[in-house]
PDB file of N, CA and C in Angstrom:
ATOM      1  N   MET A   1     106.900  88.798  96.994  1.00  0.00           N
ATOM      2  CA  MET A   1     106.825  87.634  97.842  1.00  0.00           C
ATOM      3  C   MET A   1     106.964  88.036  99.308  1.00  0.00           C
ATOM      4  N   GLU A   2     107.660  89.118  99.568  1.00  0.00           N
ATOM      5  CA  GLU A   2     107.844  89.547 100.940  1.00  0.00           C
ATOM      6  C   GLU A   2     106.511  89.876 101.601  1.00  0.00           C
ATOM      7  N   TYR A   3     105.587  90.392 100.822  1.00  0.00           N
ATOM      8  CA  TYR A   3     104.272  90.728 101.345  1.00  0.00           C
ATOM      9  C   TYR A   3     103.529  89.450 101.748  1.00  0.00           C
ATOM     10  N   THR A   4     103.659  88.436 100.935  1.00  0.00           N
ATOM     11  CA  THR A   4     103.039  87.144 101.236  1.00  0.00           C
ATOM     12  C   THR A   4     103.672  86.539 102.475  1.00  0.00           C
ATOM     13  N   TYR A   5     104.980  86.632 102.572  1.00  0.00           N
ATOM     14  CA  TYR A   5     105.668  86.111 103.758  1.00  0.00           C
ATOM     15  C   TYR A   5     105.209  86.842 105.018  1.00  0.00           C
ATOM     16  N   ALA A   6     105.013  88.149 104.905  1.00  0.00           N
ATOM     17  CA  ALA A   6     104.559  88.925 106.051  1.00  0.00           C
ATOM     18  C   ALA A   6     103.191  88.429 106.517  1.00  0.00           C
ATOM     19  N   VAL A   7     102.302  88.175 105.576  1.00  0.00           N
ATOM     20  CA  VAL A   7     100.972  87.655 105.911  1.00  0.00           C
ATOM     21  C   VAL A   7     101.085  86.297 106.578  1.00  0.00           C
ATOM     22  N   LEU A   8     101.909  85.426 106.011  1.00  0.00           N
ATOM     23  CA  LEU A   8     102.063  84.083 106.581  1.00  0.00           C
ATOM     24  C   LEU A   8     102.667  84.140 107.979  1.00  0.00           C
ATOM     25  N   LEU A   9     103.619  85.023 108.188  1.00  0.00           N
ATOM     26  CA  LEU A   9     104.233  85.173 109.503  1.00  0.00           C
ATOM     27  C   LEU A   9     103.207  85.670 110.529  1.00  0.00           C
ATOM     28  N   LEU A  10     102.453  86.694 110.156  1.00  0.00           N
ATOM     29  CA  LEU A  10     101.423  87.209 111.058  1.00  0.00           C
ATOM     30  C   LEU A  10     100.403  86.126 111.396  1.00  0.00           C
ATOM     31  N   HIS A  11      99.994  85.381 110.388  1.00  0.00           N
ATOM     32  CA  HIS A  11      99.035  84.299 110.612  1.00  0.00           C
ATOM     33  C   HIS A  11      99.607  83.247 111.556  1.00  0.00           C
ATOM     34  N   LYS A  12     100.838  82.846 111.316  1.00  0.00           N
ATOM     35  CA  LYS A  12     101.497  81.828 112.135  1.00  0.00           C
ATOM     36  C   LYS A  12     101.602  82.264 113.594  1.00  0.00           C
ATOM     37  N   LEU A  13     101.840  83.550 113.817  1.00  0.00           N
ATOM     38  CA  LEU A  13     101.978  84.082 115.172  1.00  0.00           C
ATOM     39  C   LEU A  13     100.634  84.404 115.830  1.00  0.00           C
ATOM     40  N   GLY A  14      99.553  84.222 115.075  1.00  0.00           N
ATOM     41  CA  GLY A  14      98.226  84.494 115.625  1.00  0.00           C
ATOM     42  C   GLY A  14      97.896  85.970 115.710  1.00  0.00           C
ATOM     43  N   LYS A  15      98.617  86.774 114.955  1.00  0.00           N
ATOM     44  CA  LYS A  15      98.386  88.223 114.942  1.00  0.00           C
ATOM     45  C   LYS A  15      97.382  88.568 113.855  1.00  0.00           C
ATOM     46  N   GLU A  16      96.749  89.723 114.003  1.00  0.00           N
ATOM     47  CA  GLU A  16      95.795  90.191 113.003  1.00  0.00           C
ATOM     48  C   GLU A  16      96.542  90.535 111.710  1.00  0.00           C
ATOM     49  N   VAL A  17      96.003  90.073 110.596  1.00  0.00           N
ATOM     50  CA  VAL A  17      96.583  90.408 109.299  1.00  0.00           C
ATOM     51  C   VAL A  17      95.918  91.716 108.862  1.00  0.00           C
ATOM     52  N   SER A  18      96.609  92.808 109.126  1.00  0.00           N
ATOM     53  CA  SER A  18      96.089  94.139 108.814  1.00  0.00           C
ATOM     54  C   SER A  18      97.156  94.925 108.060  1.00  0.00           C
ATOM     55  N   GLU A  19      96.736  96.045 107.478  1.00  0.00           N
ATOM     56  CA  GLU A  19      97.692  96.898 106.762  1.00  0.00           C
ATOM     57  C   GLU A  19      98.819  97.328 107.696  1.00  0.00           C
ATOM     58  N   GLU A  20      98.444  97.763 108.866  1.00  0.00           N
ATOM     59  CA  GLU A  20      99.431  98.250 109.826  1.00  0.00           C
ATOM     60  C   GLU A  20     100.434  97.158 110.210  1.00  0.00           C
ATOM     61  N   ASN A  21      99.950  95.960 110.485  1.00  0.00           N
ATOM     62  CA  ASN A  21     100.846  94.872 110.894  1.00  0.00           C
ATOM     63  C   ASN A  21     101.743  94.403 109.756  1.00  0.00           C
ATOM     64  N   ILE A  22     101.210  94.370 108.550  1.00  0.00           N
ATOM     65  CA  ILE A  22     102.036  93.980 107.399  1.00  0.00           C
ATOM     66  C   ILE A  22     103.166  94.996 107.220  1.00  0.00           C
ATOM     67  N   LYS A  23     102.820  96.275 107.320  1.00  0.00           N
ATOM     68  CA  LYS A  23     103.844  97.333 107.191  1.00  0.00           C
ATOM     69  C   LYS A  23     104.914  97.176 108.267  1.00  0.00           C
ATOM     70  N   LYS A  24     104.497  96.887 109.499  1.00  0.00           N
ATOM     71  CA  LYS A  24     105.454  96.720 110.588  1.00  0.00           C
ATOM     72  C   LYS A  24     106.418  95.567 110.309  1.00  0.00           C
ATOM     73  N   VAL A  25     105.899  94.458 109.813  1.00  0.00           N
ATOM     74  CA  VAL A  25     106.745  93.299 109.514  1.00  0.00           C
ATOM     75  C   VAL A  25     107.736  93.651 108.415  1.00  0.00           C
ATOM     76  N   LEU A  26     107.270  94.298 107.371  1.00  0.00           N
ATOM     77  CA  LEU A  26     108.150  94.653 106.254  1.00  0.00           C
ATOM     78  C   LEU A  26     109.236  95.642 106.684  1.00  0.00           C
ATOM     79  N   VAL A  27     108.859  96.642 107.460  1.00  0.00           N
ATOM     80  CA  VAL A  27     109.836  97.630 107.926  1.00  0.00           C
ATOM     81  C   VAL A  27     110.844  96.967 108.857  1.00  0.00           C
ATOM     82  N   ALA A  28     110.368  96.071 109.726  1.00  0.00           N
ATOM     83  CA  ALA A  28     111.277  95.360 110.632  1.00  0.00           C
ATOM     84  C   ALA A  28     112.271  94.500 109.860  1.00  0.00           C
ATOM     85  N   ALA A  29     111.871  94.048 108.669  1.00  0.00           N
ATOM     86  CA  ALA A  29     112.751  93.243 107.834  1.00  0.00           C
ATOM     87  C   ALA A  29     113.664  94.106 106.973  1.00  0.00           C
ATOM     88  N   GLY A  30     113.537  95.435 107.099  1.00  0.00           N
ATOM     89  CA  GLY A  30     114.412  96.330 106.351  1.00  0.00           C
ATOM     90  C   GLY A  30     113.885  96.731 104.996  1.00  0.00           C
ATOM     91  N   MET A  31     112.596  96.555 104.766  1.00  0.00           N
ATOM     92  CA  MET A  31     111.979  96.909 103.481  1.00  0.00           C
ATOM     93  C   MET A  31     111.144  98.169 103.597  1.00  0.00           C
ATOM     94  N   HIS A  32     110.937  98.797 102.482  1.00  0.00           N
ATOM     95  CA  HIS A  32     109.970  99.885 102.393  1.00  0.00           C
ATOM     96  C   HIS A  32     108.638  99.251 101.996  1.00  0.00           C
ATOM     97  N   ALA A  33     107.589  99.511 102.755  1.00  0.00           N
ATOM     98  CA  ALA A  33     106.271  98.950 102.458  1.00  0.00           C
ATOM     99  C   ALA A  33     105.556  99.844 101.453  1.00  0.00           C
ATOM    100  N   ASP A  34     105.250  99.289 100.289  1.00  0.00           N
ATOM    101  CA  ASP A  34     104.509 100.007  99.257  1.00  0.00           C
ATOM    102  C   ASP A  34     103.030 100.005  99.651  1.00  0.00           C
ATOM    103  N   GLU A  35     102.504 101.185  99.908  1.00  0.00           N
ATOM    104  CA  GLU A  35     101.129 101.355 100.389  1.00  0.00           C
ATOM    105  C   GLU A  35     100.107 100.681  99.467  1.00  0.00           C
ATOM    106  N   SER A  36     100.264 100.848  98.163  1.00  0.00           N
ATOM    107  CA  SER A  36      99.288 100.286  97.224  1.00  0.00           C
ATOM    108  C   SER A  36      99.335  98.753  97.220  1.00  0.00           C
ATOM    109  N   LYS A  37     100.519  98.183  97.350  1.00  0.00           N
ATOM    110  CA  LYS A  37     100.630  96.719  97.395  1.00  0.00           C
ATOM    111  C   LYS A  37     100.003  96.158  98.670  1.00  0.00           C
ATOM    112  N   VAL A  38     100.213  96.859  99.768  1.00  0.00           N
ATOM    113  CA  VAL A  38      99.642  96.417 101.041  1.00  0.00           C
ATOM    114  C   VAL A  38      98.121  96.483 100.969  1.00  0.00           C
ATOM    115  N   LYS A  39      97.577  97.567 100.450  1.00  0.00           N
ATOM    116  CA  LYS A  39      96.132  97.718 100.330  1.00  0.00           C
ATOM    117  C   LYS A  39      95.547  96.660  99.397  1.00  0.00           C
ATOM    118  N   SER A  40      96.220  96.412  98.298  1.00  0.00           N
ATOM    119  CA  SER A  40      95.768  95.400  97.345  1.00  0.00           C
ATOM    120  C   SER A  40      95.767  94.008  97.984  1.00  0.00           C
ATOM    121  N   LEU A  41      96.804  93.721  98.725  1.00  0.00           N
ATOM    122  CA  LEU A  41      96.912  92.429  99.402  1.00  0.00           C
ATOM    123  C   LEU A  41      95.789  92.253 100.416  1.00  0.00           C
ATOM    124  N   ILE A  42      95.546  93.248 101.223  1.00  0.00           N
ATOM    125  CA  ILE A  42      94.477  93.183 102.225  1.00  0.00           C
ATOM    126  C   ILE A  42      93.123  92.998 101.534  1.00  0.00           C
ATOM    127  N   ALA A  43      92.906  93.710 100.448  1.00  0.00           N
ATOM    128  CA  ALA A  43      91.642  93.573  99.705  1.00  0.00           C
ATOM    129  C   ALA A  43      91.480  92.166  99.143  1.00  0.00           C
ATOM    130  N   SER A  44      92.560  91.576  98.653  1.00  0.00           N
ATOM    131  CA  SER A  44      92.469  90.236  98.072  1.00  0.00           C
ATOM    132  C   SER A  44      92.312  89.149  99.134  1.00  0.00           C
ATOM    133  N   LEU A  45      92.653  89.470 100.381  1.00  0.00           N
ATOM    134  CA  LEU A  45      92.511  88.508 101.473  1.00  0.00           C
ATOM    135  C   LEU A  45      91.150  88.565 102.153  1.00  0.00           C
ATOM    136  N   LYS A  46      90.350  89.549 101.787  1.00  0.00           N
ATOM    137  CA  LYS A  46      89.041  89.719 102.422  1.00  0.00           C
ATOM    138  C   LYS A  46      88.204  88.448 102.207  1.00  0.00           C
ATOM    139  N   GLY A  47      87.778  87.844 103.304  1.00  0.00           N
ATOM    140  CA  GLY A  47      86.946  86.648 103.240  1.00  0.00           C
ATOM    141  C   GLY A  47      87.719  85.349 103.055  1.00  0.00           C
ATOM    142  N   VAL A  48      89.041  85.411 103.052  1.00  0.00           N
ATOM    143  CA  VAL A  48      89.864  84.213 102.863  1.00  0.00           C
ATOM    144  C   VAL A  48      90.232  83.630 104.224  1.00  0.00           C
ATOM    145  N   ASP A  49      89.990  82.331 104.385  1.00  0.00           N
ATOM    146  CA  ASP A  49      90.404  81.616 105.592  1.00  0.00           C
ATOM    147  C   ASP A  49      91.814  81.087 105.334  1.00  0.00           C
ATOM    148  N   ILE A  50      92.810  81.803 105.853  1.00  0.00           N
ATOM    149  CA  ILE A  50      94.205  81.480 105.570  1.00  0.00           C
ATOM    150  C   ILE A  50      94.554  80.076 106.048  1.00  0.00           C
ATOM    151  N   ALA A  51      94.090  79.684 107.225  1.00  0.00           N
ATOM    152  CA  ALA A  51      94.394  78.353 107.751  1.00  0.00           C
ATOM    153  C   ALA A  51      93.870  77.270 106.818  1.00  0.00           C
ATOM    154  N   LYS A  52      92.664  77.455 106.326  1.00  0.00           N
ATOM    155  CA  LYS A  52      92.066  76.469 105.414  1.00  0.00           C
ATOM    156  C   LYS A  52      92.839  76.411 104.091  1.00  0.00           C
ATOM    157  N   GLU A  53      93.228  77.577 103.591  1.00  0.00           N
ATOM    158  CA  GLU A  53      93.979  77.618 102.334  1.00  0.00           C
ATOM    159  C   GLU A  53      95.363  76.993 102.486  1.00  0.00           C
ATOM    160  N   LEU A  54      96.002  77.205 103.623  1.00  0.00           N
ATOM    161  CA  LEU A  54      97.303  76.582 103.863  1.00  0.00           C
ATOM    162  C   LEU A  54      97.172  75.070 103.938  1.00  0.00           C
ATOM    163  N   GLU A  55      96.111  74.607 104.577  1.00  0.00           N
ATOM    164  CA  GLU A  55      95.869  73.163 104.655  1.00  0.00           C
ATOM    165  C   GLU A  55      95.679  72.589 103.256  1.00  0.00           C
ATOM    166  N   HIS A  56      94.907  73.279 102.434  1.00  0.00           N
ATOM    167  CA  HIS A  56      94.676  72.827 101.061  1.00  0.00           C
ATOM    168  C   HIS A  56      95.986  72.825 100.261  1.00  0.00           C
ATOM    169  N   ALA A  57      96.796  73.868 100.441  1.00  0.00           N
ATOM    170  CA  ALA A  57      98.079  73.951  99.732  1.00  0.00           C
ATOM    171  C   ALA A  57      98.997  72.810 100.152  1.00  0.00           C
ATOM    172  N   SER A  58      98.973  72.452 101.434  1.00  0.00           N
ATOM    173  CA  SER A  58      99.797  71.353 101.927  1.00  0.00           C
ATOM    174  C   SER A  58      99.351  70.037 101.330  1.00  0.00           C
ATOM    175  N   LEU A  59      98.038  69.859 101.224  1.00  0.00           N
ATOM    176  CA  LEU A  59      97.513  68.624 100.651  1.00  0.00           C
ATOM    177  C   LEU A  59      97.873  68.505  99.172  1.00  0.00           C
ATOM    178  N   VAL A  60      97.804  69.602  98.450  1.00  0.00           N
ATOM    179  CA  VAL A  60      98.144  69.596  97.027  1.00  0.00           C
ATOM    180  C   VAL A  60      99.623  69.270  96.843  1.00  0.00           C
ATOM    181  N   ALA A  61     100.474  69.874  97.654  1.00  0.00           N
ATOM    182  CA  ALA A  61     101.920  69.658  97.531  1.00  0.00           C
ATOM    183  C   ALA A  61     102.305  68.245  97.942  1.00  0.00           C
ATOM    184  N   ALA A  62     101.557  67.644  98.866  1.00  0.00           N
ATOM    185  CA  ALA A  62     101.900  66.320  99.369  1.00  0.00           C
ATOM    186  C   ALA A  62     101.231  65.195  98.594  1.00  0.00           C
ATOM    187  N   ALA A  63     100.329  65.512  97.690  1.00  0.00           N
ATOM    188  CA  ALA A  63      99.607  64.481  96.941  1.00  0.00           C
ATOM    189  C   ALA A  63     100.574  63.684  96.071  1.00  0.00           C
ATOM    190  N   PRO A  64     100.406  62.352  96.054  1.00  0.00           N
ATOM    191  CA  PRO A  64     101.286  61.523  95.217  1.00  0.00           C
ATOM    192  C   PRO A  64     101.061  61.801  93.737  1.00  0.00           C
ATOM    193  N   ALA A  65     102.125  61.714  92.972  1.00  0.00           N
ATOM    194  CA  ALA A  65     102.061  61.984  91.536  1.00  0.00           C
ATOM    195  C   ALA A  65     101.406  60.842  90.773  1.00  0.00           C
ATOM    196  N   GLY A  66     101.346  59.671  91.326  1.00  0.00           N
ATOM    197  CA  GLY A  66     100.744  58.522  90.659  1.00  0.00           C
ATOM    198  C   GLY A  66     101.379  57.245  91.163  1.00  0.00           C
ATOM    199  N   GLY A  67     101.015  56.142  90.561  1.00  0.00           N
ATOM    200  CA  GLY A  67     101.554  54.845  90.955  1.00  0.00           C
ATOM    201  C   GLY A  67     103.007  54.681  90.564  1.00  0.00           C
ATOM    202  N   ALA A  68     103.621  53.594  90.997  1.00  0.00           N
ATOM    203  CA  ALA A  68     105.026  53.325  90.699  1.00  0.00           C
ATOM    204  C   ALA A  68     105.252  53.196  89.196  1.00  0.00           C
ATOM    205  N   HIS A  69     104.300  52.578  88.501  1.00  0.00           N
ATOM    206  CA  HIS A  69     104.420  52.410  87.052  1.00  0.00           C
ATOM    207  C   HIS A  69     104.430  53.780  86.366  1.00  0.00           C
ATOM    208  N   HIS A  70     103.594  54.665  86.836  1.00  0.00           N
ATOM    209  CA  HIS A  70     103.532  56.017  86.286  1.00  0.00           C
ATOM    210  C   HIS A  70     104.852  56.751  86.527  1.00  0.00           C
ATOM    211  N   ALA A  71     105.440  56.584  87.686  1.00  0.00           N
ATOM    212  CA  ALA A  71     106.697  57.257  88.033  1.00  0.00           C
ATOM    213  C   ALA A  71     107.852  56.754  87.162  1.00  0.00           C
ATOM    214  N   GLU A  72     107.839  55.485  86.801  1.00  0.00           N
ATOM    215  CA  GLU A  72     108.911  54.939  85.960  1.00  0.00           C
ATOM    216  C   GLU A  72     108.898  55.567  84.572  1.00  0.00           C
ATOM    217  N   LYS A  73     107.735  55.848  84.040  1.00  0.00           N
ATOM    218  CA  LYS A  73     107.634  56.410  82.698  1.00  0.00           C
ATOM    219  C   LYS A  73     108.113  57.861  82.647  1.00  0.00           C
ATOM    220  N   LYS A  74     107.877  58.601  83.703  1.00  0.00           N
ATOM    221  CA  LYS A  74     108.216  60.018  83.715  1.00  0.00           C
ATOM    222  C   LYS A  74     109.178  60.309  84.848  1.00  0.00           C
ATOM    223  N   GLU A  75     110.434  60.020  84.647  1.00  0.00           N
ATOM    224  CA  GLU A  75     111.412  60.244  85.703  1.00  0.00           C
ATOM    225  C   GLU A  75     111.770  61.711  85.853  1.00  0.00           C
ATOM    226  N   GLU A  76     111.807  62.476  84.757  1.00  0.00           N
ATOM    227  CA  GLU A  76     112.236  63.866  84.827  1.00  0.00           C
ATOM    228  C   GLU A  76     111.104  64.830  85.194  1.00  0.00           C
ATOM    229  N   LYS A  77     109.880  64.491  84.877  1.00  0.00           N
ATOM    230  CA  LYS A  77     108.785  65.419  85.061  1.00  0.00           C
ATOM    231  C   LYS A  77     108.244  65.537  86.487  1.00  0.00           C
ATOM    232  N   PRO A  78     108.349  64.559  87.368  1.00  0.00           N
ATOM    233  CA  PRO A  78     107.761  64.749  88.698  1.00  0.00           C
ATOM    234  C   PRO A  78     108.279  65.978  89.437  1.00  0.00           C
ATOM    235  N   LYS A  79     109.534  66.343  89.258  1.00  0.00           N
ATOM    236  CA  LYS A  79     110.058  67.531  89.924  1.00  0.00           C
ATOM    237  C   LYS A  79     109.320  68.772  89.436  1.00  0.00           C
ATOM    238  N   GLU A  80     109.105  68.874  88.129  1.00  0.00           N
ATOM    239  CA  GLU A  80     108.384  69.999  87.554  1.00  0.00           C
ATOM    240  C   GLU A  80     106.955  70.026  88.053  1.00  0.00           C
ATOM    241  N   GLU A  81     106.295  68.865  88.030  1.00  0.00           N
ATOM    242  CA  GLU A  81     104.907  68.787  88.455  1.00  0.00           C
ATOM    243  C   GLU A  81     104.775  69.140  89.931  1.00  0.00           C
ATOM    244  N   LYS A  82     105.715  68.689  90.737  1.00  0.00           N
ATOM    245  CA  LYS A  82     105.662  68.966  92.164  1.00  0.00           C
ATOM    246  C   LYS A  82     105.786  70.459  92.416  1.00  0.00           C
ATOM    247  N   LYS A  83     106.708  71.122  91.721  1.00  0.00           N
ATOM    248  CA  LYS A  83     106.873  72.564  91.870  1.00  0.00           C
ATOM    249  C   LYS A  83     105.617  73.288  91.404  1.00  0.00           C
ATOM    250  N   ALA A  84     105.059  72.850  90.286  1.00  0.00           N
ATOM    251  CA  ALA A  84     103.859  73.486  89.755  1.00  0.00           C
ATOM    252  C   ALA A  84     102.695  73.315  90.711  1.00  0.00           C
ATOM    253  N   ALA A  85     102.550  72.122  91.284  1.00  0.00           N
ATOM    254  CA  ALA A  85     101.458  71.867  92.219  1.00  0.00           C
ATOM    255  C   ALA A  85     101.607  72.724  93.469  1.00  0.00           C
ATOM    256  N   ALA A  86     102.812  72.853  93.960  1.00  0.00           N
ATOM    257  CA  ALA A  86     103.044  73.674  95.149  1.00  0.00           C
ATOM    258  C   ALA A  86     102.753  75.134  94.845  1.00  0.00           C
ATOM    259  N   ALA A  87     103.210  75.614  93.709  1.00  0.00           N
ATOM    260  CA  ALA A  87     102.960  77.000  93.328  1.00  0.00           C
ATOM    261  C   ALA A  87     101.474  77.248  93.124  1.00  0.00           C
ATOM    262  N   GLU A  88     100.798  76.272  92.523  1.00  0.00           N
ATOM    263  CA  GLU A  88      99.369  76.400  92.299  1.00  0.00           C
ATOM    264  C   GLU A  88      98.628  76.480  93.633  1.00  0.00           C
ATOM    265  N   GLY A  89      99.029  75.636  94.565  1.00  0.00           N
ATOM    266  CA  GLY A  89      98.391  75.642  95.874  1.00  0.00           C
ATOM    267  C   GLY A  89      98.617  76.950  96.600  1.00  0.00           C
ATOM    268  N   LEU A  90      99.813  77.496  96.527  1.00  0.00           N
ATOM    269  CA  LEU A  90     100.104  78.755  97.206  1.00  0.00           C
ATOM    270  C   LEU A  90      99.412  79.927  96.532  1.00  0.00           C
ATOM    271  N   SER A  91      99.295  79.882  95.205  1.00  0.00           N
ATOM    272  CA  SER A  91      98.599  80.985  94.544  1.00  0.00           C
ATOM    273  C   SER A  91      97.124  80.953  94.894  1.00  0.00           C
ATOM    274  N   ALA A  92      96.579  79.759  95.108  1.00  0.00           N
ATOM    275  CA  ALA A  92      95.187  79.659  95.521  1.00  0.00           C
ATOM    276  C   ALA A  92      94.990  80.225  96.921  1.00  0.00           C
ATOM    277  N   LEU A  93      96.053  80.240  97.705  1.00  0.00           N
ATOM    278  CA  LEU A  93      95.980  80.748  99.063  1.00  0.00           C
ATOM    279  C   LEU A  93      95.453  82.174  99.091  1.00  0.00           C
ATOM    280  N   PHE A  94      95.924  82.988  98.194  1.00  0.00           N
ATOM    281  CA  PHE A  94      95.529  84.385  98.209  1.00  0.00           C
ATOM    282  C   PHE A  94      94.699  84.766  96.988  1.00  0.00           C
ATOM    283  N   GLY A  95      94.377  83.832  96.129  1.00  0.00           N
ATOM    284  CA  GLY A  95      93.538  84.135  94.985  1.00  0.00           C
ATOM    285  C   GLY A  95      94.238  84.922  93.896  1.00  0.00           C
ATOM    286  N   TRP A  96      95.557  84.970  93.937  1.00  0.00           N
ATOM    287  CA  TRP A  96      96.329  85.670  92.914  1.00  0.00           C
ATOM    288  C   TRP A  96      97.686  85.017  92.795  1.00  0.00           C
ATOM    289  N   SER A  97      98.352  85.335  91.762  1.00  0.00           N
ATOM    290  CA  SER A  97      99.664  84.767  91.531  1.00  0.00           C
ATOM    291  C   SER A  97     100.687  85.357  92.501  1.00  0.00           C
ATOM    292  N   LEU A  98     101.556  84.526  93.030  1.00  0.00           N
ATOM    293  CA  LEU A  98     102.588  84.983  93.949  1.00  0.00           C
ATOM    294  C   LEU A  98     103.634  85.840  93.249  1.00  0.00           C
ATOM    295  N   PHE A  99     103.654  85.815  91.938  1.00  0.00           N
ATOM    296  CA  PHE A  99     104.682  86.519  91.202  1.00  0.00           C
ATOM    297  C   PHE A  99     104.282  87.944  90.841  1.00  0.00           C
ATOM    298  N   ILE A 100     103.162  88.403  91.341  1.00  0.00           N
ATOM    299  CA  ILE A 100     102.726  89.770  91.093  1.00  0.00           C
ATOM    300  C   ILE A 100     103.667  90.744  91.774  1.00  0.00           C
ATOM    301  N   PHE A 101     104.069  90.426  92.994  1.00  0.00           N
ATOM    302  CA  PHE A 101     104.879  91.342  93.785  1.00  0.00           C
ATOM    303  C   PHE A 101     106.290  91.014  93.536  1.00  0.00           C
TER     304      PHE A 101
END
């Protein structure tokens, strides 16, 4: 997840998302940057519009679960569904599961 956070931080700051910059962020945070993970991440981001994917992830996470009648029937499940929707949106951000790293 730290690798994903590094990408998001670089994107937020308007910096280039590159192998070198990801390594710098990870080292600054006190981590050892695994070369193969960084290369894999950069390869999986090729052609991805991070801003567009973040917008889509935000929309998925903010989407209503259903009408009031629907919410009354499933009081315990909306929390699970909300977490799943957010995770699904974030995994779509990079085209892979966030739990790989």
